Amino acid sequence: ADWNNIRWFECMESLSKIVGKQNVHFAIRQHVKGRSMAFNETDPDSKPFSEFGEVLNYEEAKKHGYNMIKVLRYAVRSDLAESIEKVLIDTQQNQRKHSDEKDHNVLPDLVTTSDIPDRVLIDRPGDVVHFFPTTWGKDNMSSLRCAVSRAIQAVGREANLTVFTDFSSFGAGDESGRSEIHDSYPIGLLHYKIVVVAQRDFHEGHFRLMEALIGGALVMTDPMHPLPYMLEDGKSVVVYTSLEDLKAKIRYFLEHEEERLAIAGRGFEVASTHHRTW
């Protein structure tokens, strides 16, 4: 439900009369209000992400007998999951046509002795991607996303990394881009070792987090309160708390491959097991 929609409880009361109140659960996407993560180009990278917002008051829900308030996060969409699977299979078949099967550049077999999912272990020539440009404007409430892209470009120059910060090569940047999967998007998710995501300035939640996790890269995100079910900072996803922190963690995890792959593997498992839509 949308917390600002005053008719949510009327709908729940009607459903309760049909299926019983014990079978009706209240879940909302956003559990904080007042989030303000706006950034100016003059802000230093050391500026901490401090305006996370305040936890919503659930008394209205409890007054109507709904004591358990659940977190509703965006899930993995089936069309993207299927597109990624197709890219992996097609790439594997094409490589086997032109390469010896012992060639290390061939994508790993679907059956592997490693505990890490095979898509996590594929060769990823790119280092870091954030699917957002460095300038976009406050009208779209995405100054944080732009600041994240600028930080990634900066660390790319400093450490001589292969980075990409835009969406022009991976689909449209307006609402029309969200209605279908562009062919290049799953390829982009599989091309980079680290996928960075950032939420809009004034609200939490987006498809990008689960989209990144299902691709099998290490995923870095700005803070969420709370993180989606079963995701843990440092275990299945990496949370950055400032642009300086983001740059430091990019450097660290590119230098520590084993740790990066382990977190990426657990993130993929959480997304595919607990957040997949069918």
Protein backbone atom coordinates (compact mmCIF):
# COMPACT_ATOMS: atom_id res chain seq x y z
CA ALA A 1 0.00 0.00 0.00
CA ASP A 2 0.96 3.63 -0.42
CA TRP A 3 1.23 5.06 3.09
CA ASN A 4 -0.20 8.37 1.86
CA ASN A 5 -3.33 6.68 0.51
CA ILE A 6 -5.85 7.10 3.31
CA ARG A 7 -8.11 4.42 1.84
CA TRP A 8 -5.70 1.53 2.31
CA PHE A 9 -7.42 0.42 5.53
CA GLU A 10 -10.83 0.49 3.87
CA CYS A 11 -9.57 -1.95 1.25
CA MET A 12 -8.04 -4.18 3.92
CA GLU A 13 -11.24 -4.16 5.95
CA SER A 14 -13.21 -5.26 2.89
CA LEU A 15 -10.75 -8.07 2.18
CA SER A 16 -10.83 -9.14 5.82
CA LYS A 17 -14.56 -9.73 5.62
CA ILE A 18 -13.97 -12.12 2.73
CA VAL A 19 -10.85 -14.05 3.75
CA GLY A 20 -10.50 -13.23 7.46
CA LYS A 21 -8.28 -10.60 9.07
CA GLN A 22 -5.65 -13.21 9.97
CA ASN A 23 -5.07 -13.74 6.24
CA VAL A 24 -4.65 -10.08 5.34
CA HIS A 25 -1.21 -8.52 5.76
CA PHE A 26 -0.16 -4.90 5.43
CA ALA A 27 3.03 -4.22 3.49
CA ILE A 28 4.50 -0.92 2.31
CA ARG A 29 7.45 -0.07 0.08
CA GLN A 30 8.79 2.83 2.12
CA HIS A 31 9.29 2.71 5.87
CA VAL A 32 10.81 6.17 6.29
CA LYS A 33 9.65 9.70 5.59
CA GLY A 34 11.75 12.80 5.14
CA ARG A 35 14.61 11.12 3.29
CA SER A 36 16.74 13.85 1.69
CA MET A 37 19.90 12.70 -0.08
CA ALA A 38 20.26 15.65 -2.47
CA PHE A 39 23.83 16.45 -3.54
CA ASN A 40 25.44 19.51 -5.07
CA GLU A 41 28.45 19.27 -7.35
CA THR A 42 30.44 21.29 -4.79
CA ASP A 43 29.77 18.83 -1.96
CA PRO A 44 32.93 16.95 -0.89
CA ASP A 45 33.12 13.18 -1.34
CA SER A 46 33.50 12.88 2.43
CA LYS A 47 29.98 14.26 3.01
CA PRO A 48 28.12 11.48 4.82
CA PHE A 49 24.68 10.29 3.81
CA SER A 50 22.95 11.59 6.94
CA GLU A 51 19.37 12.50 5.99
CA PHE A 52 17.96 8.98 5.93
CA GLY A 53 14.56 10.12 7.17
CA GLU A 54 12.42 9.03 10.12
CA VAL A 55 10.65 5.72 10.62
CA LEU A 56 6.95 5.98 9.83
CA ASN A 57 4.40 5.93 12.63
CA TYR A 58 2.44 2.68 12.36
CA GLU A 59 -0.23 3.55 14.92
CA GLU A 60 -2.87 3.98 12.22
CA ALA A 61 -2.31 0.42 11.03
CA LYS A 62 -2.22 -0.97 14.57
CA LYS A 63 -5.44 0.86 15.40
CA HIS A 64 -7.15 -1.24 12.76
CA GLY A 65 -5.67 -4.47 14.10
CA TYR A 66 -2.74 -4.91 11.71
CA ASN A 67 0.21 -5.19 14.08
CA MET A 68 2.65 -6.81 11.65
CA ILE A 69 3.85 -4.22 9.13
CA LYS A 70 5.84 -5.89 6.35
CA VAL A 71 8.47 -4.48 4.03
CA LEU A 72 7.46 -4.45 0.38
CA ARG A 73 10.51 -4.18 -1.87
CA TYR A 74 10.83 -4.36 -5.63
CA ALA A 75 11.46 -7.91 -6.87
CA VAL A 76 13.36 -9.55 -9.71
CA ARG A 77 11.26 -9.31 -12.83
CA SER A 78 10.98 -12.54 -14.81
CA ASP A 79 11.60 -10.91 -18.19
CA LEU A 80 15.03 -9.67 -17.11
CA ALA A 81 15.95 -12.96 -15.42
CA GLU A 82 15.03 -14.84 -18.59
CA SER A 83 16.93 -12.35 -20.77
CA ILE A 84 20.08 -12.83 -18.71
CA GLU A 85 19.75 -16.62 -18.94
CA LYS A 86 19.41 -16.34 -22.73
CA VAL A 87 22.51 -14.14 -23.02
CA LEU A 88 24.52 -16.61 -20.95
CA ILE A 89 23.42 -19.62 -22.98
CA ASP A 90 23.86 -17.89 -26.35
CA THR A 91 27.32 -16.61 -25.40
CA GLN A 92 28.39 -20.02 -24.16
CA GLN A 93 27.24 -21.73 -27.35
CA ASN A 94 28.93 -19.14 -29.58
CA GLN A 95 32.21 -19.38 -27.72
CA ARG A 96 32.24 -23.15 -27.94
CA LYS A 97 31.82 -22.91 -31.70
CA HIS A 98 34.95 -20.82 -32.07
CA SER A 99 37.12 -21.90 -29.14
CA ASP A 100 38.62 -25.03 -27.73
CA GLU A 101 36.56 -26.15 -24.74
CA LYS A 102 39.67 -25.94 -22.58
CA ASP A 103 40.00 -22.23 -23.34
CA HIS A 104 39.64 -20.31 -20.08
CA ASN A 105 37.69 -17.58 -21.86
CA VAL A 106 34.75 -19.92 -22.41
CA LEU A 107 31.90 -19.36 -19.98
CA PRO A 108 31.82 -21.99 -17.22
CA ASP A 109 29.64 -25.07 -17.57
CA LEU A 110 26.19 -24.90 -15.98
CA VAL A 111 27.32 -27.61 -13.55
CA THR A 112 30.27 -26.53 -11.46
CA THR A 113 32.03 -27.87 -8.41
CA SER A 114 32.29 -24.38 -6.94
CA ASP A 115 29.84 -23.16 -4.30
CA ILE A 116 29.65 -19.88 -6.21
CA PRO A 117 27.00 -19.72 -8.97
CA ASP A 118 28.48 -20.07 -12.45
CA ARG A 119 27.27 -16.67 -13.68
CA VAL A 120 29.27 -14.99 -10.91
CA LEU A 121 32.45 -16.62 -12.22
CA ILE A 122 32.16 -15.57 -15.86
CA ASP A 123 34.82 -13.34 -17.35
CA ARG A 124 33.80 -9.70 -16.78
CA PRO A 125 36.17 -7.35 -18.64
CA GLY A 126 34.63 -4.16 -17.24
CA ASP A 127 35.31 -2.98 -13.69
CA VAL A 128 32.42 -0.75 -12.54
CA VAL A 129 29.10 0.39 -13.99
CA HIS A 130 26.36 2.69 -12.75
CA PHE A 131 23.48 3.03 -15.17
CA PHE A 132 23.05 6.78 -14.81
CA PRO A 133 24.76 9.86 -16.29
CA THR A 134 26.88 12.35 -14.37
CA THR A 135 24.42 15.17 -15.03
CA TRP A 136 20.64 14.88 -15.07
CA GLY A 137 19.20 17.63 -12.90
CA LYS A 138 17.16 17.90 -9.72
CA ASP A 139 13.87 17.75 -11.63
CA ASN A 140 14.22 13.98 -11.67
CA MET A 141 15.19 13.86 -7.97
CA SER A 142 18.42 12.12 -8.93
CA SER A 143 21.22 14.40 -7.77
CA LEU A 144 22.58 11.54 -5.63
CA ARG A 145 22.69 9.24 -8.66
CA CYS A 146 24.58 11.88 -10.62
CA ALA A 147 27.03 12.38 -7.74
CA VAL A 148 27.60 8.62 -7.57
CA SER A 149 28.39 8.56 -11.30
CA ARG A 150 30.86 11.42 -10.92
CA ALA A 151 32.58 9.59 -8.05
CA ILE A 152 32.86 6.44 -10.17
CA GLN A 153 34.34 8.41 -13.05
CA ALA A 154 36.84 9.96 -10.64
CA VAL A 155 37.99 6.65 -9.16
CA GLY A 156 38.17 5.26 -12.68
CA ARG A 157 40.66 7.96 -13.65
CA GLU A 158 42.62 7.67 -10.41
CA ALA A 159 42.96 3.87 -10.52
CA ASN A 160 42.90 3.39 -14.31
CA LEU A 161 39.68 1.35 -14.20
CA THR A 162 37.19 0.49 -16.92
CA VAL A 163 34.01 2.26 -15.80
CA PHE A 164 30.73 3.28 -17.41
CA THR A 165 28.17 5.76 -16.09
CA ASP A 166 25.24 6.30 -18.41
CA PHE A 167 22.15 4.54 -19.73
CA SER A 168 22.32 5.60 -23.37
CA SER A 169 23.86 2.28 -24.42
CA PHE A 170 21.53 0.17 -22.30
CA GLY A 171 18.05 1.51 -23.05
CA ALA A 172 16.01 4.69 -22.80
CA GLY A 173 16.32 6.91 -19.75
CA ASP A 174 12.66 7.81 -19.49
CA GLU A 175 9.59 5.89 -18.38
CA SER A 176 9.37 4.08 -21.72
CA GLY A 177 12.59 2.29 -20.83
CA ARG A 178 10.95 0.53 -17.90
CA SER A 179 8.21 -1.25 -19.88
CA GLU A 180 10.51 -3.68 -21.65
CA ILE A 181 13.99 -5.15 -21.43
CA HIS A 182 16.44 -3.66 -23.89
CA ASP A 183 18.73 -6.23 -25.47
CA SER A 184 21.88 -4.48 -24.29
CA TYR A 185 20.85 -4.21 -20.61
CA PRO A 186 21.44 -7.85 -19.55
CA ILE A 187 24.71 -7.77 -21.51
CA GLY A 188 25.75 -4.72 -19.51
CA LEU A 189 24.88 -6.39 -16.21
CA LEU A 190 27.08 -9.36 -17.13
CA HIS A 191 29.97 -7.26 -18.43
CA TYR A 192 31.08 -5.57 -15.19
CA LYS A 193 32.61 -6.88 -11.98
CA ILE A 194 30.82 -4.31 -9.80
CA VAL A 195 27.38 -2.81 -10.39
CA VAL A 196 26.62 0.29 -8.32
CA VAL A 197 23.03 1.37 -7.69
CA ALA A 198 21.62 4.47 -6.00
CA GLN A 199 18.09 5.44 -5.08
CA ARG A 200 16.36 8.70 -5.86
CA ASP A 201 16.94 11.60 -3.52
CA PHE A 202 13.66 11.54 -1.62
CA HIS A 203 12.37 7.98 -1.47
CA GLU A 204 13.62 4.44 -1.05
CA GLY A 205 13.21 1.43 -3.30
CA HIS A 206 13.74 0.72 -7.02
CA PHE A 207 14.05 -2.16 -9.47
CA ARG A 208 17.76 -1.55 -10.03
CA LEU A 209 18.94 -3.30 -6.88
CA MET A 210 17.42 -6.68 -7.69
CA GLU A 211 18.23 -6.28 -11.38
CA ALA A 212 21.89 -5.87 -10.48
CA LEU A 213 21.92 -8.77 -8.03
CA ILE A 214 20.40 -11.23 -10.50
CA GLY A 215 23.22 -10.43 -12.93
CA GLY A 216 25.79 -11.98 -10.60
CA ALA A 217 28.13 -9.01 -10.12
CA LEU A 218 29.07 -7.54 -6.76
CA VAL A 219 26.39 -4.95 -6.02
CA MET A 220 26.94 -1.75 -4.06
CA THR A 221 23.99 0.34 -2.85
CA ASP A 222 23.34 3.46 -0.82
CA PRO A 223 21.61 2.73 2.54
CA MET A 224 18.10 1.29 2.75
CA HIS A 225 16.05 1.03 5.93
CA PRO A 226 15.82 -1.87 6.09
CA LEU A 227 17.61 -3.74 3.34
CA PRO A 228 15.38 -6.19 1.45
CA TYR A 229 14.73 -9.57 3.07
CA MET A 230 17.84 -11.70 3.62
CA LEU A 231 20.27 -9.12 2.23
CA GLU A 232 23.11 -8.26 4.60
CA ASP A 233 25.76 -5.60 4.25
CA GLY A 234 29.16 -7.20 3.69
CA LYS A 235 27.68 -10.65 3.11
CA SER A 236 25.37 -10.44 0.10
CA VAL A 237 25.57 -6.75 -0.84
CA VAL A 238 27.87 -3.82 -0.02
CA VAL A 239 26.42 -0.58 1.40
CA TYR A 240 28.32 2.66 0.89
CA THR A 241 27.64 5.61 3.21
CA SER A 242 29.42 8.42 1.36
CA LEU A 243 31.03 8.98 -2.04
CA GLU A 244 34.43 8.63 -0.39
CA ASP A 245 33.32 5.32 1.11
CA LEU A 246 32.08 4.19 -2.32
CA LYS A 247 35.40 4.93 -3.99
CA ALA A 248 37.35 3.16 -1.24
CA LYS A 249 35.14 0.07 -1.43
CA ILE A 250 35.42 -0.06 -5.23
CA ARG A 251 39.20 -0.12 -4.92
CA TYR A 252 39.12 -2.69 -2.13
CA PHE A 253 36.84 -5.21 -3.80
CA LEU A 254 38.57 -5.00 -7.16
CA GLU A 255 41.78 -5.90 -5.34
CA HIS A 256 40.14 -8.72 -3.32
CA GLU A 257 38.57 -10.95 -5.93
CA GLU A 258 37.79 -13.93 -3.72
CA GLU A 259 35.83 -11.80 -1.26
CA ARG A 260 34.08 -9.97 -4.08
CA LEU A 261 32.95 -13.19 -5.76
CA ALA A 262 31.71 -14.67 -2.48
CA ILE A 263 29.50 -11.64 -1.73
CA ALA A 264 28.29 -11.52 -5.33
CA GLY A 265 27.37 -15.21 -5.16
CA ARG A 266 25.37 -14.80 -1.97
CA GLY A 267 23.64 -11.72 -3.37
CA PHE A 268 22.61 -13.63 -6.48
CA GLU A 269 21.29 -16.52 -4.38
CA VAL A 270 19.22 -14.18 -2.19
CA ALA A 271 17.74 -12.39 -5.19
CA SER A 272 16.95 -15.55 -7.15
CA THR A 273 15.64 -17.49 -4.15
CA HIS A 274 13.70 -14.92 -2.12
CA HIS A 275 12.87 -12.08 -4.54
CA ARG A 276 12.08 -13.70 -7.89
CA THR A 277 8.72 -13.11 -9.58
CA TRP A 278 7.13 -15.72 -11.84
